[in-house]
Amino acid sequence: MSTTRKEKLVAATVQEDLNKRTKQEWIEGAAALKHERFEVAGALFDCKADALLSQQEVQNRLDAYLRPAVQKEETMNVDSKG
């Protein structure tokens, strides 16, 4: 018996959903990511508590949190003469 493409996509989506965890679960399992709990909490601070996140999403947020892109802001000199 062969499975259809649609069935394969549904199975992949279900498997992907099984690998997702809540914010609190990721914080408590920080050691699995080889990070401290406070680092994971900081990276996920703007996520809703009930949102499901994949490991890749959490890793991307950790990378952005721990290694922010350096943006040099240009300062503009303001001439205070009337």
C-alpha atoms as a PDB file:
ATOM      1  CA  MET A   1       0.000   0.000   0.000  1.00  0.00           C
ATOM      2  CA  SER A   2       1.343   3.359  -0.889  1.00  0.00           C
ATOM      3  CA  THR A   3       0.489   6.516   0.925  1.00  0.00           C
ATOM      4  CA  THR A   4      -0.559   9.568  -0.937  1.00  0.00           C
ATOM      5  CA  ARG A   5       1.366  12.791  -0.899  1.00  0.00           C
ATOM      6  CA  LYS A   6      -1.339  14.444   1.184  1.00  0.00           C
ATOM      7  CA  GLU A   7      -1.105  11.722   3.827  1.00  0.00           C
ATOM      8  CA  LYS A   8       2.666  12.151   3.965  1.00  0.00           C
ATOM      9  CA  LEU A   9       2.302  15.912   4.447  1.00  0.00           C
ATOM     10  CA  VAL A  10      -0.248  15.388   7.225  1.00  0.00           C
ATOM     11  CA  ALA A  11       2.038  12.862   8.921  1.00  0.00           C
ATOM     12  CA  ALA A  12       4.988  15.272   8.692  1.00  0.00           C
ATOM     13  CA  THR A  13       2.909  18.095  10.172  1.00  0.00           C
ATOM     14  CA  VAL A  14       1.735  15.902  13.044  1.00  0.00           C
ATOM     15  CA  GLN A  15       5.314  14.804  13.740  1.00  0.00           C
ATOM     16  CA  GLU A  16       6.479  18.421  13.669  1.00  0.00           C
ATOM     17  CA  ASP A  17       3.758  19.405  16.153  1.00  0.00           C
ATOM     18  CA  LEU A  18       4.844  16.603  18.474  1.00  0.00           C
ATOM     19  CA  ASN A  19       8.335  18.102  18.612  1.00  0.00           C
ATOM     20  CA  LYS A  20       7.082  21.507  19.715  1.00  0.00           C
ATOM     21  CA  ARG A  21       7.046  22.592  23.346  1.00  0.00           C
ATOM     22  CA  THR A  22       5.740  25.488  25.371  1.00  0.00           C
ATOM     23  CA  LYS A  23       7.890  28.344  26.590  1.00  0.00           C
ATOM     24  CA  GLN A  24       8.048  26.914  30.127  1.00  0.00           C
ATOM     25  CA  GLU A  25       9.026  23.462  28.860  1.00  0.00           C
ATOM     26  CA  TRP A  26      11.912  24.960  26.870  1.00  0.00           C
ATOM     27  CA  ILE A  27      13.079  26.969  29.888  1.00  0.00           C
ATOM     28  CA  GLU A  28      12.974  23.907  32.146  1.00  0.00           C
ATOM     29  CA  GLY A  29      14.789  21.844  29.503  1.00  0.00           C
ATOM     30  CA  ALA A  30      17.498  24.429  28.854  1.00  0.00           C
ATOM     31  CA  ALA A  31      20.239  21.901  29.553  1.00  0.00           C
ATOM     32  CA  ALA A  32      19.175  19.930  26.478  1.00  0.00           C
ATOM     33  CA  LEU A  33      19.938  23.043  24.439  1.00  0.00           C
ATOM     34  CA  LYS A  34      23.280  23.442  26.261  1.00  0.00           C
ATOM     35  CA  HIS A  35      22.244  26.797  27.679  1.00  0.00           C
ATOM     36  CA  GLU A  36      21.291  28.211  31.043  1.00  0.00           C
ATOM     37  CA  ARG A  37      17.638  28.639  32.001  1.00  0.00           C
ATOM     38  CA  PHE A  38      17.977  32.419  32.227  1.00  0.00           C
ATOM     39  CA  GLU A  39      19.361  32.523  28.675  1.00  0.00           C
ATOM     40  CA  VAL A  40      16.406  30.595  27.285  1.00  0.00           C
ATOM     41  CA  ALA A  41      13.989  32.704  29.332  1.00  0.00           C
ATOM     42  CA  GLY A  42      15.568  35.873  27.960  1.00  0.00           C
ATOM     43  CA  ALA A  43      15.410  34.622  24.388  1.00  0.00           C
ATOM     44  CA  LEU A  44      11.738  33.693  24.757  1.00  0.00           C
ATOM     45  CA  PHE A  45      10.622  36.699  26.817  1.00  0.00           C
ATOM     46  CA  ASP A  46       8.267  38.005  24.128  1.00  0.00           C
ATOM     47  CA  CYS A  47       6.602  34.651  23.412  1.00  0.00           C
ATOM     48  CA  LYS A  48       3.204  33.817  24.813  1.00  0.00           C
ATOM     49  CA  ALA A  49       3.257  31.191  27.544  1.00  0.00           C
ATOM     50  CA  ASP A  50       0.997  28.798  25.621  1.00  0.00           C
ATOM     51  CA  ALA A  51       2.696  29.196  22.234  1.00  0.00           C
ATOM     52  CA  LEU A  52       4.262  26.022  20.858  1.00  0.00           C
ATOM     53  CA  LEU A  53       7.829  26.461  19.638  1.00  0.00           C
ATOM     54  CA  SER A  54      10.046  24.069  17.720  1.00  0.00           C
ATOM     55  CA  GLN A  55      13.659  23.485  18.678  1.00  0.00           C
ATOM     56  CA  GLN A  56      14.800  25.368  15.574  1.00  0.00           C
ATOM     57  CA  GLU A  57      12.691  28.400  16.509  1.00  0.00           C
ATOM     58  CA  VAL A  58      14.119  28.402  20.028  1.00  0.00           C
ATOM     59  CA  GLN A  59      17.663  28.003  18.714  1.00  0.00           C
ATOM     60  CA  ASN A  60      17.177  30.915  16.299  1.00  0.00           C
ATOM     61  CA  ARG A  61      15.886  33.099  19.141  1.00  0.00           C
ATOM     62  CA  LEU A  62      18.800  32.062  21.358  1.00  0.00           C
ATOM     63  CA  ASP A  63      21.293  32.959  18.646  1.00  0.00           C
ATOM     64  CA  ALA A  64      19.669  36.361  18.159  1.00  0.00           C
ATOM     65  CA  TYR A  65      19.505  36.958  21.920  1.00  0.00           C
ATOM     66  CA  LEU A  66      23.060  35.893  22.736  1.00  0.00           C
ATOM     67  CA  ARG A  67      24.712  37.304  19.591  1.00  0.00           C
ATOM     68  CA  PRO A  68      22.728  40.368  18.555  1.00  0.00           C
ATOM     69  CA  ALA A  69      23.582  41.936  15.235  1.00  0.00           C
ATOM     70  CA  VAL A  70      25.757  44.933  15.897  1.00  0.00           C
ATOM     71  CA  GLN A  71      24.157  47.983  14.424  1.00  0.00           C
ATOM     72  CA  LYS A  72      26.136  51.150  14.667  1.00  0.00           C
ATOM     73  CA  GLU A  73      23.783  54.043  14.991  1.00  0.00           C
ATOM     74  CA  GLU A  74      24.817  57.143  13.165  1.00  0.00           C
ATOM     75  CA  THR A  75      24.765  60.199  15.313  1.00  0.00           C
ATOM     76  CA  MET A  76      23.759  63.435  13.801  1.00  0.00           C
ATOM     77  CA  ASN A  77      25.322  66.657  14.973  1.00  0.00           C
ATOM     78  CA  VAL A  78      22.680  69.257  15.509  1.00  0.00           C
ATOM     79  CA  ASP A  79      23.710  72.827  14.997  1.00  0.00           C
ATOM     80  CA  SER A  80      22.055  74.829  17.753  1.00  0.00           C
ATOM     81  CA  LYS A  81      22.506  78.133  15.938  1.00  0.00           C
ATOM     82  CA  GLY A  82      19.175  79.781  15.191  1.00  0.00           C
END
